[in-house]
């Protein structure tokens, strides 16, 4: 169970779009960020992958509750989402990490997110490897297709650019991705508008991604209703 302050949901709502043709996440999610559950994961920047996974996990939980026609379908809460210790324990149980990983400050990336979404929620994922930020243009159609078909948030990690990001949408022209940044740290933001104004959720045109970094994108294969 995740303890801490109540999290904001759907922080991209009412954010201005850079162009007319956009394809966005469908369904409710919670915004997880550094320190949101009283765990200090900001030091050395090790916690961002876990927080992105938790945000995606919250979206999956909400979709599955709706699909099951559960009476709690509109009652998305933090207790349904795996904690950072639970994520570490799961990766050890799966044989992906050694036992020393539990309680460590080791980061996780898109591959581990893929494993955990299957482990906790039985949701398969696809991984897209992009050799350079400049190559994202070549994969724009794949990203558009994902949001059209599934409407699921995407995990994005890299090497040179090793700050985990959640991708909540794509714009066709200008080519841009809607980036949810988990690096906010502090008390619960007053509103999603504060996060938007401070750039924790914003559109990135593709030229902003690093040419010198590869990127791995994790696409959950769970369809959200239109």
C-alpha atoms as a PDB file:
ATOM      1  CA  UNK A   1       0.000   0.000   0.000  1.00  0.00           C
ATOM      2  CA  UNK A   2       1.315   3.442  -0.891  1.00  0.00           C
ATOM      3  CA  UNK A   3       1.214   5.933   1.953  1.00  0.00           C
ATOM      4  CA  UNK A   4       1.555   9.670   1.601  1.00  0.00           C
ATOM      5  CA  UNK A   5      -0.526  12.558   0.406  1.00  0.00           C
ATOM      6  CA  UNK A   6      -3.416  12.140  -1.999  1.00  0.00           C
ATOM      7  CA  UNK A   7      -2.255  12.245  -5.602  1.00  0.00           C
ATOM      8  CA  UNK A   8      -3.601  14.370  -8.423  1.00  0.00           C
ATOM      9  CA  UNK A   9      -5.167  12.612 -11.380  1.00  0.00           C
ATOM     10  CA  UNK A  10      -5.276  13.341 -15.114  1.00  0.00           C
ATOM     11  CA  UNK A  11      -2.824  16.235 -14.902  1.00  0.00           C
ATOM     12  CA  UNK A  12      -2.825  16.790 -18.685  1.00  0.00           C
ATOM     13  CA  UNK A  13      -6.474  17.847 -18.814  1.00  0.00           C
ATOM     14  CA  UNK A  14      -7.085  21.309 -20.282  1.00  0.00           C
ATOM     15  CA  UNK A  15      -3.439  21.666 -21.339  1.00  0.00           C
ATOM     16  CA  UNK A  16      -3.168  23.513 -24.650  1.00  0.00           C
ATOM     17  CA  UNK A  17      -2.205  21.397 -27.666  1.00  0.00           C
ATOM     18  CA  UNK A  18       0.587  22.437 -30.055  1.00  0.00           C
ATOM     19  CA  UNK A  19      -1.463  21.431 -33.101  1.00  0.00           C
ATOM     20  CA  UNK A  20      -4.851  20.203 -34.239  1.00  0.00           C
ATOM     21  CA  UNK A  21      -4.152  16.468 -34.706  1.00  0.00           C
ATOM     22  CA  UNK A  22      -3.394  14.999 -31.288  1.00  0.00           C
ATOM     23  CA  UNK A  23      -3.910  11.508 -29.871  1.00  0.00           C
ATOM     24  CA  UNK A  24      -4.078  11.299 -26.076  1.00  0.00           C
ATOM     25  CA  UNK A  25      -4.204   8.798 -23.240  1.00  0.00           C
ATOM     26  CA  UNK A  26      -7.742   7.539 -22.636  1.00  0.00           C
ATOM     27  CA  UNK A  27      -8.845   6.897 -19.077  1.00  0.00           C
ATOM     28  CA  UNK A  28      -7.908   7.949 -15.589  1.00  0.00           C
ATOM     29  CA  UNK A  29      -4.439   7.795 -14.011  1.00  0.00           C
ATOM     30  CA  UNK A  30      -2.675   9.168 -10.931  1.00  0.00           C
ATOM     31  CA  UNK A  31       0.441  11.345 -11.044  1.00  0.00           C
ATOM     32  CA  UNK A  32       3.228   9.683  -9.058  1.00  0.00           C
ATOM     33  CA  UNK A  33       6.370  11.698  -8.376  1.00  0.00           C
ATOM     34  CA  UNK A  34       9.413  11.878  -6.123  1.00  0.00           C
ATOM     35  CA  UNK A  35       8.559  11.588  -2.440  1.00  0.00           C
ATOM     36  CA  UNK A  36       4.834  11.156  -2.976  1.00  0.00           C
ATOM     37  CA  UNK A  37       4.674   8.253  -0.509  1.00  0.00           C
ATOM     38  CA  UNK A  38       7.210   9.555   2.029  1.00  0.00           C
ATOM     39  CA  UNK A  39      10.034   7.591   0.366  1.00  0.00           C
ATOM     40  CA  UNK A  40      13.051   9.772  -0.420  1.00  0.00           C
ATOM     41  CA  UNK A  41      13.890   8.677  -3.950  1.00  0.00           C
ATOM     42  CA  UNK A  42      15.177  11.988  -5.280  1.00  0.00           C
ATOM     43  CA  UNK A  43      18.842  11.500  -4.280  1.00  0.00           C
ATOM     44  CA  UNK A  44      20.927  10.582  -7.342  1.00  0.00           C
ATOM     45  CA  UNK A  45      17.704  10.538  -9.360  1.00  0.00           C
ATOM     46  CA  UNK A  46      17.077   6.821  -8.920  1.00  0.00           C
ATOM     47  CA  UNK A  47      13.300   6.850  -8.409  1.00  0.00           C
ATOM     48  CA  UNK A  48      11.896   8.279 -11.635  1.00  0.00           C
ATOM     49  CA  UNK A  49      11.419   4.931 -13.384  1.00  0.00           C
ATOM     50  CA  UNK A  50       9.469   3.561 -10.426  1.00  0.00           C
ATOM     51  CA  UNK A  51       7.228   6.629 -10.374  1.00  0.00           C
ATOM     52  CA  UNK A  52       6.499   6.398 -14.083  1.00  0.00           C
ATOM     53  CA  UNK A  53       5.662   2.714 -13.630  1.00  0.00           C
ATOM     54  CA  UNK A  54       3.315   3.574 -10.759  1.00  0.00           C
ATOM     55  CA  UNK A  55       1.490   6.178 -12.854  1.00  0.00           C
ATOM     56  CA  UNK A  56       1.042   3.647 -15.670  1.00  0.00           C
ATOM     57  CA  UNK A  57       0.001   0.996 -13.140  1.00  0.00           C
ATOM     58  CA  UNK A  58      -2.701   3.309 -11.796  1.00  0.00           C
ATOM     59  CA  UNK A  59      -4.068   3.668 -15.333  1.00  0.00           C
ATOM     60  CA  UNK A  60      -4.071  -0.121 -15.804  1.00  0.00           C
ATOM     61  CA  UNK A  61      -5.871  -0.685 -12.489  1.00  0.00           C
ATOM     62  CA  UNK A  62      -8.580   1.778 -13.457  1.00  0.00           C
ATOM     63  CA  UNK A  63      -9.062   0.143 -16.866  1.00  0.00           C
ATOM     64  CA  UNK A  64      -9.266  -3.337 -15.370  1.00  0.00           C
ATOM     65  CA  UNK A  65     -11.776  -2.266 -12.743  1.00  0.00           C
ATOM     66  CA  UNK A  66     -13.948  -0.733 -15.450  1.00  0.00           C
ATOM     67  CA  UNK A  67     -13.662  -3.841 -17.614  1.00  0.00           C
ATOM     68  CA  UNK A  68     -14.696  -6.056 -14.710  1.00  0.00           C
ATOM     69  CA  UNK A  69     -17.740  -3.813 -14.122  1.00  0.00           C
ATOM     70  CA  UNK A  70     -16.584  -3.518 -10.531  1.00  0.00           C
ATOM     71  CA  UNK A  71     -18.455  -1.162  -8.235  1.00  0.00           C
ATOM     72  CA  UNK A  72     -15.101   0.449  -7.484  1.00  0.00           C
ATOM     73  CA  UNK A  73     -14.522   1.270 -11.117  1.00  0.00           C
ATOM     74  CA  UNK A  74     -14.496   4.998 -10.480  1.00  0.00           C
ATOM     75  CA  UNK A  75     -12.647   4.699  -7.190  1.00  0.00           C
ATOM     76  CA  UNK A  76      -9.028   4.617  -8.303  1.00  0.00           C
ATOM     77  CA  UNK A  77      -6.805   4.721  -5.214  1.00  0.00           C
ATOM     78  CA  UNK A  78      -3.156   4.426  -4.313  1.00  0.00           C
ATOM     79  CA  UNK A  79      -3.531   1.129  -2.440  1.00  0.00           C
ATOM     80  CA  UNK A  80      -4.121  -0.650  -5.766  1.00  0.00           C
ATOM     81  CA  UNK A  81      -0.698   0.342  -7.141  1.00  0.00           C
ATOM     82  CA  UNK A  82       2.540  -1.497  -6.184  1.00  0.00           C
ATOM     83  CA  UNK A  83       4.917   0.373  -3.884  1.00  0.00           C
ATOM     84  CA  UNK A  84       8.597   0.855  -4.695  1.00  0.00           C
ATOM     85  CA  UNK A  85       9.617  -1.966  -2.287  1.00  0.00           C
ATOM     86  CA  UNK A  86       7.000  -4.252  -3.872  1.00  0.00           C
ATOM     87  CA  UNK A  87       8.392  -3.474  -7.332  1.00  0.00           C
ATOM     88  CA  UNK A  88      11.919  -4.331  -6.209  1.00  0.00           C
ATOM     89  CA  UNK A  89      10.751  -7.557  -4.574  1.00  0.00           C
ATOM     90  CA  UNK A  90       8.873  -8.542  -7.737  1.00  0.00           C
ATOM     91  CA  UNK A  91      11.922  -8.040  -9.963  1.00  0.00           C
ATOM     92  CA  UNK A  92      13.948 -10.251  -7.614  1.00  0.00           C
ATOM     93  CA  UNK A  93      11.183 -12.884  -7.557  1.00  0.00           C
ATOM     94  CA  UNK A  94      11.169 -12.918 -11.372  1.00  0.00           C
ATOM     95  CA  UNK A  95      14.935 -13.488 -11.432  1.00  0.00           C
ATOM     96  CA  UNK A  96      15.643 -10.198 -13.170  1.00  0.00           C
ATOM     97  CA  UNK A  97      17.578  -8.743 -10.227  1.00  0.00           C
ATOM     98  CA  UNK A  98      19.771 -10.170  -7.430  1.00  0.00           C
ATOM     99  CA  UNK A  99      18.524 -10.189  -3.844  1.00  0.00           C
ATOM    100  CA  UNK A 100      20.712  -7.159  -3.070  1.00  0.00           C
ATOM    101  CA  UNK A 101      18.400  -5.118  -5.306  1.00  0.00           C
ATOM    102  CA  UNK A 102      15.773  -5.037  -2.534  1.00  0.00           C
ATOM    103  CA  UNK A 103      16.121  -1.811  -0.573  1.00  0.00           C
ATOM    104  CA  UNK A 104      18.690  -0.442  -3.009  1.00  0.00           C
ATOM    105  CA  UNK A 105      18.705   2.831  -4.923  1.00  0.00           C
ATOM    106  CA  UNK A 106      19.143   1.199  -8.306  1.00  0.00           C
ATOM    107  CA  UNK A 107      17.030   2.639 -11.093  1.00  0.00           C
ATOM    108  CA  UNK A 108      14.730   0.745 -13.436  1.00  0.00           C
ATOM    109  CA  UNK A 109      14.010   1.304 -17.113  1.00  0.00           C
ATOM    110  CA  UNK A 110      11.482   0.381 -19.767  1.00  0.00           C
ATOM    111  CA  UNK A 111      12.360  -3.332 -19.737  1.00  0.00           C
ATOM    112  CA  UNK A 112      11.698  -3.618 -15.998  1.00  0.00           C
ATOM    113  CA  UNK A 113       8.463  -1.661 -16.421  1.00  0.00           C
ATOM    114  CA  UNK A 114       7.424  -4.189 -19.064  1.00  0.00           C
ATOM    115  CA  UNK A 115       8.124  -7.089 -16.676  1.00  0.00           C
ATOM    116  CA  UNK A 116       6.261  -5.469 -13.787  1.00  0.00           C
ATOM    117  CA  UNK A 117       3.122  -4.604 -15.748  1.00  0.00           C
ATOM    118  CA  UNK A 118       2.873  -8.275 -16.688  1.00  0.00           C
ATOM    119  CA  UNK A 119       3.729  -9.476 -13.160  1.00  0.00           C
ATOM    120  CA  UNK A 120       1.297  -7.255 -11.267  1.00  0.00           C
ATOM    121  CA  UNK A 121      -1.481  -6.803 -13.815  1.00  0.00           C
ATOM    122  CA  UNK A 122      -1.056  -9.521 -16.494  1.00  0.00           C
ATOM    123  CA  UNK A 123      -0.709  -6.804 -19.142  1.00  0.00           C
ATOM    124  CA  UNK A 124       1.805  -7.583 -21.918  1.00  0.00           C
ATOM    125  CA  UNK A 125       3.898  -4.801 -23.417  1.00  0.00           C
ATOM    126  CA  UNK A 126       5.908  -4.100 -26.534  1.00  0.00           C
ATOM    127  CA  UNK A 127       9.321  -2.445 -26.408  1.00  0.00           C
ATOM    128  CA  UNK A 128      10.440  -0.046 -29.133  1.00  0.00           C
ATOM    129  CA  UNK A 129      14.169   0.729 -29.276  1.00  0.00           C
ATOM    130  CA  UNK A 130      15.025   4.060 -30.891  1.00  0.00           C
ATOM    131  CA  UNK A 131      18.740   4.510 -31.599  1.00  0.00           C
ATOM    132  CA  UNK A 132      18.737   8.301 -31.282  1.00  0.00           C
ATOM    133  CA  UNK A 133      16.383  11.115 -30.401  1.00  0.00           C
ATOM    134  CA  UNK A 134      16.563  12.237 -34.015  1.00  0.00           C
ATOM    135  CA  UNK A 135      15.162   8.840 -35.067  1.00  0.00           C
ATOM    136  CA  UNK A 136      11.904   9.452 -33.215  1.00  0.00           C
ATOM    137  CA  UNK A 137      10.555  11.058 -36.394  1.00  0.00           C
ATOM    138  CA  UNK A 138      10.852   7.667 -38.129  1.00  0.00           C
ATOM    139  CA  UNK A 139       8.737   6.030 -35.417  1.00  0.00           C
ATOM    140  CA  UNK A 140       6.069   8.709 -35.106  1.00  0.00           C
ATOM    141  CA  UNK A 141       3.482   6.603 -36.953  1.00  0.00           C
ATOM    142  CA  UNK A 142       4.023   3.724 -34.494  1.00  0.00           C
ATOM    143  CA  UNK A 143       3.444   6.028 -31.541  1.00  0.00           C
ATOM    144  CA  UNK A 144       0.339   7.506 -33.166  1.00  0.00           C
ATOM    145  CA  UNK A 145      -0.959   4.007 -33.889  1.00  0.00           C
ATOM    146  CA  UNK A 146      -0.468   2.997 -30.250  1.00  0.00           C
ATOM    147  CA  UNK A 147      -2.543   5.880 -28.913  1.00  0.00           C
ATOM    148  CA  UNK A 148      -5.214   5.346 -31.559  1.00  0.00           C
ATOM    149  CA  UNK A 149      -5.473   1.614 -30.855  1.00  0.00           C
ATOM    150  CA  UNK A 150      -4.776   1.345 -27.113  1.00  0.00           C
ATOM    151  CA  UNK A 151      -4.859   4.829 -25.571  1.00  0.00           C
ATOM    152  CA  UNK A 152      -2.394   3.637 -22.916  1.00  0.00           C
ATOM    153  CA  UNK A 153       0.346   5.777 -21.333  1.00  0.00           C
ATOM    154  CA  UNK A 154       3.885   4.908 -22.422  1.00  0.00           C
ATOM    155  CA  UNK A 155       7.118   4.586 -20.440  1.00  0.00           C
ATOM    156  CA  UNK A 156      10.164   6.241 -22.027  1.00  0.00           C
ATOM    157  CA  UNK A 157      13.741   5.779 -20.833  1.00  0.00           C
ATOM    158  CA  UNK A 158      17.182   6.264 -22.322  1.00  0.00           C
ATOM    159  CA  UNK A 159      20.917   6.252 -21.678  1.00  0.00           C
ATOM    160  CA  UNK A 160      22.332   9.738 -22.291  1.00  0.00           C
ATOM    161  CA  UNK A 161      18.907  11.108 -21.456  1.00  0.00           C
ATOM    162  CA  UNK A 162      18.334   8.798 -18.508  1.00  0.00           C
ATOM    163  CA  UNK A 163      15.427  10.686 -16.958  1.00  0.00           C
ATOM    164  CA  UNK A 164      12.338   8.487 -17.096  1.00  0.00           C
ATOM    165  CA  UNK A 165       9.281  10.028 -18.720  1.00  0.00           C
ATOM    166  CA  UNK A 166       5.648   9.101 -19.106  1.00  0.00           C
ATOM    167  CA  UNK A 167       4.275   9.758 -22.589  1.00  0.00           C
ATOM    168  CA  UNK A 168       0.586  10.661 -22.491  1.00  0.00           C
ATOM    169  CA  UNK A 169      -0.009  11.699 -26.079  1.00  0.00           C
ATOM    170  CA  UNK A 170       1.358  12.521 -29.503  1.00  0.00           C
ATOM    171  CA  UNK A 171       0.813  15.402 -31.913  1.00  0.00           C
ATOM    172  CA  UNK A 172       1.155  14.858 -35.659  1.00  0.00           C
ATOM    173  CA  UNK A 173       2.028  18.425 -36.716  1.00  0.00           C
ATOM    174  CA  UNK A 174       4.192  19.760 -35.265  1.00  0.00           C
ATOM    175  CA  UNK A 175       5.593  16.361 -34.293  1.00  0.00           C
ATOM    176  CA  UNK A 176       5.552  16.335 -30.494  1.00  0.00           C
ATOM    177  CA  UNK A 177       5.082  14.070 -27.471  1.00  0.00           C
ATOM    178  CA  UNK A 178       3.143  14.911 -24.324  1.00  0.00           C
ATOM    179  CA  UNK A 179       5.656  14.306 -21.515  1.00  0.00           C
ATOM    180  CA  UNK A 180       4.732  13.653 -17.887  1.00  0.00           C
ATOM    181  CA  UNK A 181       7.798  14.320 -15.730  1.00  0.00           C
ATOM    182  CA  UNK A 182       7.932  12.384 -12.411  1.00  0.00           C
ATOM    183  CA  UNK A 183      10.747  14.518 -10.966  1.00  0.00           C
ATOM    184  CA  UNK A 184       8.462  16.925  -9.110  1.00  0.00           C
ATOM    185  CA  UNK A 185       9.265  16.690  -5.401  1.00  0.00           C
ATOM    186  CA  UNK A 186       7.369  18.209  -2.524  1.00  0.00           C
ATOM    187  CA  UNK A 187       3.926  18.413  -1.047  1.00  0.00           C
ATOM    188  CA  UNK A 188       0.876  17.719  -3.157  1.00  0.00           C
ATOM    189  CA  UNK A 189       0.631  20.392  -5.876  1.00  0.00           C
ATOM    190  CA  UNK A 190      -2.304  22.735  -5.455  1.00  0.00           C
ATOM    191  CA  UNK A 191      -3.727  21.723  -8.837  1.00  0.00           C
ATOM    192  CA  UNK A 192      -2.828  20.280 -12.214  1.00  0.00           C
ATOM    193  CA  UNK A 193      -2.570  23.851 -13.482  1.00  0.00           C
ATOM    194  CA  UNK A 194       0.409  24.436 -11.169  1.00  0.00           C
ATOM    195  CA  UNK A 195       2.117  21.370 -12.642  1.00  0.00           C
ATOM    196  CA  UNK A 196       1.324  22.559 -16.156  1.00  0.00           C
ATOM    197  CA  UNK A 197       2.631  26.067 -15.502  1.00  0.00           C
ATOM    198  CA  UNK A 198       5.856  24.684 -14.012  1.00  0.00           C
ATOM    199  CA  UNK A 199       6.425  22.268 -16.909  1.00  0.00           C
ATOM    200  CA  UNK A 200       5.951  18.944 -15.133  1.00  0.00           C
ATOM    201  CA  UNK A 201       3.484  18.034 -17.868  1.00  0.00           C
ATOM    202  CA  UNK A 202       4.160  19.611 -21.257  1.00  0.00           C
ATOM    203  CA  UNK A 203       4.504  19.033 -24.972  1.00  0.00           C
ATOM    204  CA  UNK A 204       8.009  18.348 -26.293  1.00  0.00           C
ATOM    205  CA  UNK A 205       8.629  18.804 -29.999  1.00  0.00           C
ATOM    206  CA  UNK A 206      10.773  15.909 -31.211  1.00  0.00           C
ATOM    207  CA  UNK A 207      13.872  18.022 -31.777  1.00  0.00           C
ATOM    208  CA  UNK A 208      14.145  18.439 -27.982  1.00  0.00           C
ATOM    209  CA  UNK A 209      15.057  14.784 -27.505  1.00  0.00           C
ATOM    210  CA  UNK A 210      18.799  14.092 -27.363  1.00  0.00           C
ATOM    211  CA  UNK A 211      20.564  13.053 -30.556  1.00  0.00           C
ATOM    212  CA  UNK A 212      23.282  11.373 -28.466  1.00  0.00           C
ATOM    213  CA  UNK A 213      20.848   9.207 -26.479  1.00  0.00           C
ATOM    214  CA  UNK A 214      18.947   6.069 -27.389  1.00  0.00           C
ATOM    215  CA  UNK A 215      15.388   5.699 -26.118  1.00  0.00           C
ATOM    216  CA  UNK A 216      13.354   2.652 -25.140  1.00  0.00           C
ATOM    217  CA  UNK A 217       9.583   2.980 -25.165  1.00  0.00           C
ATOM    218  CA  UNK A 218       7.310   0.518 -23.366  1.00  0.00           C
ATOM    219  CA  UNK A 219       3.818   0.240 -24.875  1.00  0.00           C
ATOM    220  CA  UNK A 220       1.205  -1.484 -22.644  1.00  0.00           C
ATOM    221  CA  UNK A 221      -1.040  -3.676 -24.783  1.00  0.00           C
ATOM    222  CA  UNK A 222      -4.293  -2.940 -22.987  1.00  0.00           C
ATOM    223  CA  UNK A 223      -7.089  -1.272 -24.916  1.00  0.00           C
ATOM    224  CA  UNK A 224      -8.921   1.648 -23.327  1.00  0.00           C
ATOM    225  CA  UNK A 225     -12.460   2.298 -24.551  1.00  0.00           C
ATOM    226  CA  UNK A 226     -12.871   5.229 -26.929  1.00  0.00           C
END
